[in-house]
All heavy atoms as atom14 arrays in JSON, in Angstrom:
{
  "sequence": "MTTMITRRIQNVQISTDSGTKEQVASEVGALKFAVALMFCRMPKEDQK",
  "atom14_mask": [
    [1, 1, 1, 1, 1, 1, 1, 1, 0, 0, 0, 0, 0, 0],
    [1, 1, 1, 1, 1, 1, 1, 0, 0, 0, 0, 0, 0, 0],
    [1, 1, 1, 1, 1, 1, 1, 0, 0, 0, 0, 0, 0, 0],
    [1, 1, 1, 1, 1, 1, 1, 1, 0, 0, 0, 0, 0, 0],
    [1, 1, 1, 1, 1, 1, 1, 1, 0, 0, 0, 0, 0, 0],
    [1, 1, 1, 1, 1, 1, 1, 0, 0, 0, 0, 0, 0, 0],
    [1, 1, 1, 1, 1, 1, 1, 1, 1, 1, 1, 0, 0, 0],
    [1, 1, 1, 1, 1, 1, 1, 1, 1, 1, 1, 0, 0, 0],
    [1, 1, 1, 1, 1, 1, 1, 1, 0, 0, 0, 0, 0, 0],
    [1, 1, 1, 1, 1, 1, 1, 1, 1, 0, 0, 0, 0, 0],
    [1, 1, 1, 1, 1, 1, 1, 1, 0, 0, 0, 0, 0, 0],
    [1, 1, 1, 1, 1, 1, 1, 0, 0, 0, 0, 0, 0, 0],
    [1, 1, 1, 1, 1, 1, 1, 1, 1, 0, 0, 0, 0, 0],
    [1, 1, 1, 1, 1, 1, 1, 1, 0, 0, 0, 0, 0, 0],
    [1, 1, 1, 1, 1, 1, 0, 0, 0, 0, 0, 0, 0, 0],
    [1, 1, 1, 1, 1, 1, 1, 0, 0, 0, 0, 0, 0, 0],
    [1, 1, 1, 1, 1, 1, 1, 1, 0, 0, 0, 0, 0, 0],
    [1, 1, 1, 1, 1, 1, 0, 0, 0, 0, 0, 0, 0, 0],
    [1, 1, 1, 1, 0, 0, 0, 0, 0, 0, 0, 0, 0, 0],
    [1, 1, 1, 1, 1, 1, 1, 0, 0, 0, 0, 0, 0, 0],
    [1, 1, 1, 1, 1, 1, 1, 1, 1, 0, 0, 0, 0, 0],
    [1, 1, 1, 1, 1, 1, 1, 1, 1, 0, 0, 0, 0, 0],
    [1, 1, 1, 1, 1, 1, 1, 1, 1, 0, 0, 0, 0, 0],
    [1, 1, 1, 1, 1, 1, 1, 0, 0, 0, 0, 0, 0, 0],
    [1, 1, 1, 1, 1, 0, 0, 0, 0, 0, 0, 0, 0, 0],
    [1, 1, 1, 1, 1, 1, 0, 0, 0, 0, 0, 0, 0, 0],
    [1, 1, 1, 1, 1, 1, 1, 1, 1, 0, 0, 0, 0, 0],
    [1, 1, 1, 1, 1, 1, 1, 0, 0, 0, 0, 0, 0, 0],
    [1, 1, 1, 1, 0, 0, 0, 0, 0, 0, 0, 0, 0, 0],
    [1, 1, 1, 1, 1, 0, 0, 0, 0, 0, 0, 0, 0, 0],
    [1, 1, 1, 1, 1, 1, 1, 1, 0, 0, 0, 0, 0, 0],
    [1, 1, 1, 1, 1, 1, 1, 1, 1, 0, 0, 0, 0, 0],
    [1, 1, 1, 1, 1, 1, 1, 1, 1, 1, 1, 0, 0, 0],
    [1, 1, 1, 1, 1, 0, 0, 0, 0, 0, 0, 0, 0, 0],
    [1, 1, 1, 1, 1, 1, 1, 0, 0, 0, 0, 0, 0, 0],
    [1, 1, 1, 1, 1, 0, 0, 0, 0, 0, 0, 0, 0, 0],
    [1, 1, 1, 1, 1, 1, 1, 1, 0, 0, 0, 0, 0, 0],
    [1, 1, 1, 1, 1, 1, 1, 1, 0, 0, 0, 0, 0, 0],
    [1, 1, 1, 1, 1, 1, 1, 1, 1, 1, 1, 0, 0, 0],
    [1, 1, 1, 1, 1, 1, 0, 0, 0, 0, 0, 0, 0, 0],
    [1, 1, 1, 1, 1, 1, 1, 1, 1, 1, 1, 0, 0, 0],
    [1, 1, 1, 1, 1, 1, 1, 1, 0, 0, 0, 0, 0, 0],
    [1, 1, 1, 1, 1, 1, 1, 0, 0, 0, 0, 0, 0, 0],
    [1, 1, 1, 1, 1, 1, 1, 1, 1, 0, 0, 0, 0, 0],
    [1, 1, 1, 1, 1, 1, 1, 1, 1, 0, 0, 0, 0, 0],
    [1, 1, 1, 1, 1, 1, 1, 1, 0, 0, 0, 0, 0, 0],
    [1, 1, 1, 1, 1, 1, 1, 1, 1, 0, 0, 0, 0, 0],
    [1, 1, 1, 1, 1, 1, 1, 1, 1, 0, 0, 0, 0, 0]
  ],
  "atom14_positions": [
    [[118.86, 120.04, 87.92], [117.77, 119.35, 87.26], [117.32, 118.17, 88.11], [118.13, 117.42, 88.64], [118.26, 118.86, 85.89], [117.19, 118.24, 85.07], [117.8, 118.02, 83.4], [117.15, 116.43, 83.07], [0.0, 0.0, 0.0], [0.0, 0.0, 0.0], [0.0, 0.0, 0.0], [0.0, 0.0, 0.0], [0.0, 0.0, 0.0], [0.0, 0.0, 0.0]],
    [[116.03, 118.01, 88.25], [115.46, 116.94, 89.04], [115.24, 115.71, 88.18], [114.71, 115.8, 87.08], [114.11, 117.38, 89.65], [114.31, 118.57, 90.39], [113.54, 116.3, 90.52], [0.0, 0.0, 0.0], [0.0, 0.0, 0.0], [0.0, 0.0, 0.0], [0.0, 0.0, 0.0], [0.0, 0.0, 0.0], [0.0, 0.0, 0.0], [0.0, 0.0, 0.0]],
    [[115.67, 114.57, 88.68], [115.46, 113.32, 87.98], [114.18, 112.68, 88.49], [113.98, 112.55, 89.7], [116.64, 112.36, 88.22], [117.83, 113.01, 87.82], [116.46, 111.08, 87.43], [0.0, 0.0, 0.0], [0.0, 0.0, 0.0], [0.0, 0.0, 0.0], [0.0, 0.0, 0.0], [0.0, 0.0, 0.0], [0.0, 0.0, 0.0], [0.0, 0.0, 0.0]],
    [[113.32, 112.3, 87.57], [112.07, 111.65, 87.95], [112.24, 110.14, 87.83], [112.8, 109.66, 86.86], [110.92, 112.12, 87.08], [110.71, 113.6, 87.21], [109.04, 114.22, 87.09], [107.97, 113.03, 87.67], [0.0, 0.0, 0.0], [0.0, 0.0, 0.0], [0.0, 0.0, 0.0], [0.0, 0.0, 0.0], [0.0, 0.0, 0.0], [0.0, 0.0, 0.0]],
    [[111.77, 109.45, 88.83], [111.84, 107.99, 88.82], [110.55, 107.46, 88.21], [109.45, 107.84, 88.62], [112.01, 107.45, 90.25], [113.34, 107.96, 90.83], [111.95, 105.93, 90.26], [113.51, 107.66, 92.3], [0.0, 0.0, 0.0], [0.0, 0.0, 0.0], [0.0, 0.0, 0.0], [0.0, 0.0, 0.0], [0.0, 0.0, 0.0], [0.0, 0.0, 0.0]],
    [[110.7, 106.61, 87.21], [109.54, 105.99, 86.6], [109.31, 104.65, 87.26], [110.21, 103.85, 87.4], [109.77, 105.78, 85.09], [110.06, 107.04, 84.5], [108.56, 105.18, 84.43], [0.0, 0.0, 0.0], [0.0, 0.0, 0.0], [0.0, 0.0, 0.0], [0.0, 0.0, 0.0], [0.0, 0.0, 0.0], [0.0, 0.0, 0.0], [0.0, 0.0, 0.0]],
    [[108.08, 104.44, 87.69], [107.72, 103.19, 88.33], [106.63, 102.51, 87.52], [105.79, 103.16, 86.92], [107.23, 103.43, 89.75], [108.3, 104.0, 90.62], [107.8, 104.22, 92.01], [108.83, 104.89, 92.78], [108.61, 105.66, 93.79], [107.39, 105.86, 94.21], [109.59, 106.23, 94.44], [0.0, 0.0, 0.0], [0.0, 0.0, 0.0], [0.0, 0.0, 0.0]],
    [[106.63, 101.23, 87.59], [105.64, 100.46, 86.86], [104.84, 99.64, 87.87], [105.4, 98.93, 88.7], [106.35, 99.54, 85.88], [105.45, 98.82, 84.98], [106.24, 98.13, 83.93], [105.41, 97.16, 83.26], [105.82, 96.35, 82.35], [107.09, 96.38, 81.99], [105.01, 95.51, 81.78], [0.0, 0.0, 0.0], [0.0, 0.0, 0.0], [0.0, 0.0, 0.0]],
    [[103.55, 99.76, 87.78], [102.66, 99.01, 88.66], [102.07, 97.85, 87.85], [101.5, 98.06, 86.78], [101.53, 99.89, 89.22], [102.13, 101.06, 89.99], [100.59, 99.08, 90.09], [101.11, 102.09, 90.43], [0.0, 0.0, 0.0], [0.0, 0.0, 0.0], [0.0, 0.0, 0.0], [0.0, 0.0, 0.0], [0.0, 0.0, 0.0], [0.0, 0.0, 0.0]],
    [[102.21, 96.66, 88.37], [101.7, 95.49, 87.65], [100.54, 94.88, 88.4], [100.41, 95.02, 89.62], [102.81, 94.46, 87.49], [103.97, 94.97, 86.66], [105.09, 93.95, 86.53], [105.07, 92.91, 87.14], [106.06, 94.27, 85.7], [0.0, 0.0, 0.0], [0.0, 0.0, 0.0], [0.0, 0.0, 0.0], [0.0, 0.0, 0.0], [0.0, 0.0, 0.0]],
    [[99.7, 94.21, 87.67], [98.57, 93.48, 88.24], [97.62, 94.36, 89.05], [97.19, 93.98, 90.13], [99.05, 92.31, 89.09], [99.9, 91.35, 88.3], [99.62, 91.09, 87.14], [100.94, 90.83, 88.91], [0.0, 0.0, 0.0], [0.0, 0.0, 0.0], [0.0, 0.0, 0.0], [0.0, 0.0, 0.0], [0.0, 0.0, 0.0], [0.0, 0.0, 0.0]],
    [[97.3, 95.53, 88.53], [96.37, 96.43, 89.2], [94.95, 95.91, 89.01], [94.56, 95.54, 87.92], [96.48, 97.86, 88.64], [95.42, 98.76, 89.24], [97.85, 98.42, 88.89], [0.0, 0.0, 0.0], [0.0, 0.0, 0.0], [0.0, 0.0, 0.0], [0.0, 0.0, 0.0], [0.0, 0.0, 0.0], [0.0, 0.0, 0.0], [0.0, 0.0, 0.0]],
    [[94.21, 95.89, 90.1], [92.81, 95.5, 90.03], [91.98, 96.57, 90.72], [92.17, 96.85, 91.9], [92.6, 94.15, 90.72], [93.31, 93.02, 90.04], [93.06, 91.69, 90.74], [92.35, 91.62, 91.72], [93.67, 90.65, 90.21], [0.0, 0.0, 0.0], [0.0, 0.0, 0.0], [0.0, 0.0, 0.0], [0.0, 0.0, 0.0], [0.0, 0.0, 0.0]],
    [[91.07, 97.17, 89.97], [90.19, 98.2, 90.52], [88.77, 97.82, 90.13], [88.48, 97.55, 88.97], [90.55, 99.6, 89.97], [91.97, 99.96, 90.36], [89.55, 100.63, 90.45], [92.46, 101.25, 89.76], [0.0, 0.0, 0.0], [0.0, 0.0, 0.0], [0.0, 0.0, 0.0], [0.0, 0.0, 0.0], [0.0, 0.0, 0.0], [0.0, 0.0, 0.0]],
    [[87.9, 97.81, 91.11], [86.5, 97.49, 90.82], [85.63, 98.7, 91.12], [86.03, 99.62, 91.83], [86.05, 96.3, 91.66], [86.07, 96.65, 93.02], [0.0, 0.0, 0.0], [0.0, 0.0, 0.0], [0.0, 0.0, 0.0], [0.0, 0.0, 0.0], [0.0, 0.0, 0.0], [0.0, 0.0, 0.0], [0.0, 0.0, 0.0], [0.0, 0.0, 0.0]],
    [[84.45, 98.69, 90.57], [83.49, 99.77, 90.79], [82.14, 99.15, 91.11], [81.7, 98.22, 90.45], [83.35, 100.65, 89.53], [84.63, 101.15, 89.18], [82.42, 101.79, 89.76], [0.0, 0.0, 0.0], [0.0, 0.0, 0.0], [0.0, 0.0, 0.0], [0.0, 0.0, 0.0], [0.0, 0.0, 0.0], [0.0, 0.0, 0.0], [0.0, 0.0, 0.0]],
    [[81.5, 99.7, 92.12], [80.18, 99.25, 92.51], [79.19, 100.3, 92.03], [79.13, 101.4, 92.58], [80.1, 99.08, 94.03], [78.88, 98.32, 94.47], [78.05, 97.96, 93.61], [78.77, 98.06, 95.68], [0.0, 0.0, 0.0], [0.0, 0.0, 0.0], [0.0, 0.0, 0.0], [0.0, 0.0, 0.0], [0.0, 0.0, 0.0], [0.0, 0.0, 0.0]],
    [[78.44, 100.0, 90.99], [77.54, 101.01, 90.4], [76.12, 100.5, 90.24], [75.41, 100.86, 89.31], [78.09, 101.47, 89.05], [78.19, 100.35, 88.18], [0.0, 0.0, 0.0], [0.0, 0.0, 0.0], [0.0, 0.0, 0.0], [0.0, 0.0, 0.0], [0.0, 0.0, 0.0], [0.0, 0.0, 0.0], [0.0, 0.0, 0.0], [0.0, 0.0, 0.0]],
    [[75.68, 99.68, 91.16], [74.34, 99.12, 91.08], [73.24, 100.12, 91.37], [72.17, 100.07, 90.77], [0.0, 0.0, 0.0], [0.0, 0.0, 0.0], [0.0, 0.0, 0.0], [0.0, 0.0, 0.0], [0.0, 0.0, 0.0], [0.0, 0.0, 0.0], [0.0, 0.0, 0.0], [0.0, 0.0, 0.0], [0.0, 0.0, 0.0], [0.0, 0.0, 0.0]],
    [[73.5, 101.05, 92.29], [72.48, 102.05, 92.64], [73.11, 103.44, 92.65], [74.34, 103.58, 92.64], [71.9, 101.79, 94.04], [72.94, 101.99, 95.01], [71.34, 100.39, 94.17], [0.0, 0.0, 0.0], [0.0, 0.0, 0.0], [0.0, 0.0, 0.0], [0.0, 0.0, 0.0], [0.0, 0.0, 0.0], [0.0, 0.0, 0.0], [0.0, 0.0, 0.0]],
    [[72.27, 104.46, 92.7], [72.79, 105.83, 92.79], [73.61, 106.03, 94.05], [74.61, 106.74, 94.05], [71.64, 106.84, 92.75], [71.01, 107.01, 91.41], [70.05, 108.19, 91.4], [68.66, 107.7, 91.72], [67.65, 108.75, 91.64], [0.0, 0.0, 0.0], [0.0, 0.0, 0.0], [0.0, 0.0, 0.0], [0.0, 0.0, 0.0], [0.0, 0.0, 0.0]],
    [[73.2, 105.4, 95.13], [73.92, 105.53, 96.4], [75.32, 104.93, 96.3], [76.28, 105.47, 96.84], [73.14, 104.87, 97.53], [71.85, 105.6, 97.91], [70.69, 105.36, 96.96], [70.76, 104.4, 96.13], [69.72, 106.13, 97.01], [0.0, 0.0, 0.0], [0.0, 0.0, 0.0], [0.0, 0.0, 0.0], [0.0, 0.0, 0.0], [0.0, 0.0, 0.0]],
    [[75.43, 103.8, 95.6], [76.74, 103.17, 95.43], [77.64, 104.03, 94.56], [78.83, 104.18, 94.85], [76.58, 101.77, 94.83], [75.95, 100.78, 95.8], [75.52, 99.5, 95.12], [75.11, 99.49, 93.97], [75.64, 98.39, 95.86], [0.0, 0.0, 0.0], [0.0, 0.0, 0.0], [0.0, 0.0, 0.0], [0.0, 0.0, 0.0], [0.0, 0.0, 0.0]],
    [[77.08, 104.61, 93.5], [77.86, 105.51, 92.64], [78.31, 106.73, 93.44], [79.46, 107.16, 93.34], [77.05, 105.92, 91.39], [77.79, 107.0, 90.6], [76.77, 104.72, 90.5], [0.0, 0.0, 0.0], [0.0, 0.0, 0.0], [0.0, 0.0, 0.0], [0.0, 0.0, 0.0], [0.0, 0.0, 0.0], [0.0, 0.0, 0.0], [0.0, 0.0, 0.0]],
    [[77.43, 107.28, 94.26], [77.78, 108.43, 95.09], [78.91, 108.08, 96.05], [79.83, 108.88, 96.26], [76.55, 108.92, 95.86], [0.0, 0.0, 0.0], [0.0, 0.0, 0.0], [0.0, 0.0, 0.0], [0.0, 0.0, 0.0], [0.0, 0.0, 0.0], [0.0, 0.0, 0.0], [0.0, 0.0, 0.0], [0.0, 0.0, 0.0], [0.0, 0.0, 0.0]],
    [[78.89, 106.89, 96.6], [79.97, 106.45, 97.5], [81.28, 106.32, 96.74], [82.35, 106.69, 97.25], [79.62, 105.12, 98.15], [78.54, 105.28, 99.03], [0.0, 0.0, 0.0], [0.0, 0.0, 0.0], [0.0, 0.0, 0.0], [0.0, 0.0, 0.0], [0.0, 0.0, 0.0], [0.0, 0.0, 0.0], [0.0, 0.0, 0.0], [0.0, 0.0, 0.0]],
    [[81.22, 105.79, 95.52], [82.42, 105.67, 94.69], [83.0, 107.05, 94.38], [84.21, 107.26, 94.47], [82.1, 104.93, 93.39], [81.73, 103.48, 93.56], [82.94, 102.57, 93.65], [84.04, 102.96, 93.25], [82.76, 101.44, 94.15], [0.0, 0.0, 0.0], [0.0, 0.0, 0.0], [0.0, 0.0, 0.0], [0.0, 0.0, 0.0], [0.0, 0.0, 0.0]],
    [[82.14, 107.99, 94.02], [82.59, 109.35, 93.71], [83.2, 110.0, 94.96], [84.24, 110.65, 94.87], [81.43, 110.2, 93.15], [81.81, 111.67, 93.05], [81.01, 109.68, 91.79], [0.0, 0.0, 0.0], [0.0, 0.0, 0.0], [0.0, 0.0, 0.0], [0.0, 0.0, 0.0], [0.0, 0.0, 0.0], [0.0, 0.0, 0.0], [0.0, 0.0, 0.0]],
    [[82.57, 109.81, 96.1], [83.12, 110.35, 97.35], [84.5, 109.8, 97.65], [85.4, 110.54, 98.06], [0.0, 0.0, 0.0], [0.0, 0.0, 0.0], [0.0, 0.0, 0.0], [0.0, 0.0, 0.0], [0.0, 0.0, 0.0], [0.0, 0.0, 0.0], [0.0, 0.0, 0.0], [0.0, 0.0, 0.0], [0.0, 0.0, 0.0], [0.0, 0.0, 0.0]],
    [[84.68, 108.5, 97.42], [86.0, 107.89, 97.64], [87.04, 108.46, 96.68], [88.18, 108.72, 97.08], [85.9, 106.37, 97.49], [0.0, 0.0, 0.0], [0.0, 0.0, 0.0], [0.0, 0.0, 0.0], [0.0, 0.0, 0.0], [0.0, 0.0, 0.0], [0.0, 0.0, 0.0], [0.0, 0.0, 0.0], [0.0, 0.0, 0.0], [0.0, 0.0, 0.0]],
    [[86.64, 108.67, 95.43], [87.57, 109.27, 94.46], [87.95, 110.7, 94.84], [89.11, 111.09, 94.74], [86.94, 109.27, 93.06], [86.98, 107.96, 92.31], [86.16, 108.06, 91.04], [88.41, 107.58, 91.99], [0.0, 0.0, 0.0], [0.0, 0.0, 0.0], [0.0, 0.0, 0.0], [0.0, 0.0, 0.0], [0.0, 0.0, 0.0], [0.0, 0.0, 0.0]],
    [[86.95, 111.47, 95.28], [87.24, 112.84, 95.69], [88.2, 112.87, 96.88], [89.1, 113.72, 96.94], [85.93, 113.57, 96.03], [85.1, 113.9, 94.8], [83.71, 114.38, 95.14], [83.66, 115.79, 95.6], [82.27, 116.3, 95.76], [0.0, 0.0, 0.0], [0.0, 0.0, 0.0], [0.0, 0.0, 0.0], [0.0, 0.0, 0.0], [0.0, 0.0, 0.0]],
    [[88.03, 111.94, 97.79], [88.93, 111.88, 98.94], [90.34, 111.48, 98.5], [91.33, 112.05, 98.98], [88.4, 110.92, 99.99], [89.17, 110.96, 101.28], [89.17, 112.1, 102.07], [89.93, 109.88, 101.68], [89.9, 112.15, 103.25], [90.65, 109.91, 102.86], [90.64, 111.06, 103.64], [0.0, 0.0, 0.0], [0.0, 0.0, 0.0], [0.0, 0.0, 0.0]],
    [[90.44, 110.55, 97.56], [91.75, 110.15, 97.04], [92.44, 111.33, 96.36], [93.65, 111.56, 96.55], [91.6, 108.97, 96.08], [0.0, 0.0, 0.0], [0.0, 0.0, 0.0], [0.0, 0.0, 0.0], [0.0, 0.0, 0.0], [0.0, 0.0, 0.0], [0.0, 0.0, 0.0], [0.0, 0.0, 0.0], [0.0, 0.0, 0.0], [0.0, 0.0, 0.0]],
    [[91.69, 112.1, 95.58], [92.25, 113.28, 94.93], [92.71, 114.29, 95.99], [93.77, 114.9, 95.87], [91.23, 113.92, 93.95], [91.68, 115.3, 93.49], [91.01, 113.0, 92.77], [0.0, 0.0, 0.0], [0.0, 0.0, 0.0], [0.0, 0.0, 0.0], [0.0, 0.0, 0.0], [0.0, 0.0, 0.0], [0.0, 0.0, 0.0], [0.0, 0.0, 0.0]],
    [[91.93, 114.46, 97.03], [92.29, 115.39, 98.1], [93.59, 114.97, 98.79], [94.43, 115.82, 99.11], [91.16, 115.49, 99.13], [0.0, 0.0, 0.0], [0.0, 0.0, 0.0], [0.0, 0.0, 0.0], [0.0, 0.0, 0.0], [0.0, 0.0, 0.0], [0.0, 0.0, 0.0], [0.0, 0.0, 0.0], [0.0, 0.0, 0.0], [0.0, 0.0, 0.0]],
    [[93.77, 113.67, 98.98], [95.02, 113.2, 99.59], [96.21, 113.47, 98.69], [97.3, 113.83, 99.16], [94.91, 111.71, 99.92], [93.93, 111.35, 101.04], [93.85, 109.83, 101.19], [94.33, 112.0, 102.35], [0.0, 0.0, 0.0], [0.0, 0.0, 0.0], [0.0, 0.0, 0.0], [0.0, 0.0, 0.0], [0.0, 0.0, 0.0], [0.0, 0.0, 0.0]],
    [[96.04, 113.32, 97.38], [97.12, 113.65, 96.45], [97.37, 115.16, 96.42], [98.5, 115.61, 96.37], [96.8, 113.13, 95.05], [96.86, 111.63, 94.94], [96.64, 111.02, 93.27], [94.88, 111.15, 93.09], [0.0, 0.0, 0.0], [0.0, 0.0, 0.0], [0.0, 0.0, 0.0], [0.0, 0.0, 0.0], [0.0, 0.0, 0.0], [0.0, 0.0, 0.0]],
    [[96.27, 115.92, 96.46], [96.36, 117.38, 96.45], [97.18, 117.89, 97.62], [98.0, 118.79, 97.47], [94.94, 117.96, 96.48], [94.88, 119.47, 96.52], [95.03, 120.21, 95.37], [94.67, 120.13, 97.72], [94.96, 121.6, 95.41], [94.6, 121.51, 97.77], [94.75, 122.25, 96.61], [0.0, 0.0, 0.0], [0.0, 0.0, 0.0], [0.0, 0.0, 0.0]],
    [[96.97, 117.31, 98.8], [97.68, 117.82, 99.98], [99.17, 117.52, 99.93], [99.95, 118.15, 100.65], [97.04, 117.33, 101.27], [97.19, 115.59, 101.63], [0.0, 0.0, 0.0], [0.0, 0.0, 0.0], [0.0, 0.0, 0.0], [0.0, 0.0, 0.0], [0.0, 0.0, 0.0], [0.0, 0.0, 0.0], [0.0, 0.0, 0.0], [0.0, 0.0, 0.0]],
    [[99.61, 116.62, 99.06], [101.03, 116.33, 98.9], [101.7, 117.21, 97.84], [102.92, 117.2, 97.7], [101.23, 114.86, 98.54], [100.74, 113.93, 99.65], [101.08, 112.52, 99.37], [102.54, 112.38, 99.47], [103.18, 111.24, 99.32], [102.51, 110.14, 99.09], [104.49, 111.19, 99.42], [0.0, 0.0, 0.0], [0.0, 0.0, 0.0], [0.0, 0.0, 0.0]],
    [[100.89, 117.97, 97.12], [101.42, 118.85, 96.08], [102.08, 120.07, 96.72], [101.68, 120.5, 97.79], [100.29, 119.34, 95.16], [99.64, 118.26, 94.33], [98.13, 118.83, 93.48], [98.79, 120.09, 92.41], [0.0, 0.0, 0.0], [0.0, 0.0, 0.0], [0.0, 0.0, 0.0], [0.0, 0.0, 0.0], [0.0, 0.0, 0.0], [0.0, 0.0, 0.0]],
    [[103.08, 120.65, 96.03], [103.66, 121.9, 96.52], [102.59, 123.0, 96.57], [101.63, 122.99, 95.78], [104.74, 122.24, 95.48], [105.04, 120.94, 94.8], [103.78, 120.15, 94.83], [0.0, 0.0, 0.0], [0.0, 0.0, 0.0], [0.0, 0.0, 0.0], [0.0, 0.0, 0.0], [0.0, 0.0, 0.0], [0.0, 0.0, 0.0], [0.0, 0.0, 0.0]],
    [[102.77, 123.93, 97.48], [101.79, 125.0, 97.7], [101.46, 125.76, 96.42], [100.31, 126.06, 96.14], [102.32, 125.95, 98.77], [101.33, 126.99, 99.21], [101.86, 127.82, 100.35], [100.82, 128.83, 100.8], [101.26, 129.6, 101.95], [0.0, 0.0, 0.0], [0.0, 0.0, 0.0], [0.0, 0.0, 0.0], [0.0, 0.0, 0.0], [0.0, 0.0, 0.0]],
    [[102.47, 126.08, 95.63], [102.25, 126.82, 94.37], [101.38, 126.02, 93.41], [100.49, 126.58, 92.78], [103.59, 127.16, 93.7], [104.29, 128.35, 94.28], [103.51, 129.64, 94.02], [103.24, 129.98, 92.85], [103.19, 130.33, 95.01], [0.0, 0.0, 0.0], [0.0, 0.0, 0.0], [0.0, 0.0, 0.0], [0.0, 0.0, 0.0], [0.0, 0.0, 0.0]],
    [[101.64, 124.73, 93.29], [100.84, 123.88, 92.4], [99.4, 123.79, 92.89], [98.47, 123.79, 92.09], [101.45, 122.48, 92.3], [102.78, 122.48, 91.57], [103.1, 123.47, 90.89], [103.5, 121.47, 91.68], [0.0, 0.0, 0.0], [0.0, 0.0, 0.0], [0.0, 0.0, 0.0], [0.0, 0.0, 0.0], [0.0, 0.0, 0.0], [0.0, 0.0, 0.0]],
    [[99.22, 123.73, 94.2], [97.86, 123.71, 94.75], [97.12, 124.98, 94.35], [95.97, 124.94, 93.91], [97.9, 123.6, 96.27], [98.34, 122.27, 96.8], [98.39, 122.25, 98.31], [98.43, 123.29, 98.97], [98.41, 121.07, 98.88], [0.0, 0.0, 0.0], [0.0, 0.0, 0.0], [0.0, 0.0, 0.0], [0.0, 0.0, 0.0], [0.0, 0.0, 0.0]],
    [[97.8, 126.1, 94.51], [97.2, 127.4, 94.2], [96.75, 127.47, 92.74], [95.62, 127.86, 92.43], [98.22, 128.5, 94.49], [97.77, 129.89, 94.2], [98.85, 130.87, 94.6], [99.17, 131.78, 93.44], [100.24, 132.73, 93.73], [0.0, 0.0, 0.0], [0.0, 0.0, 0.0], [0.0, 0.0, 0.0], [0.0, 0.0, 0.0], [0.0, 0.0, 0.0]]
  ]
}
């Protein structure tokens, strides 16, 4: 059985720049890239 370590992150600050469509598009692109980086760390079966 695998033991999962629970971690707690404190004082997280995340901002969003949504003044224009271009800024929102940049934010979405950054999120997609972050998801892709997490995806590449997933086991092959989970990715599939």
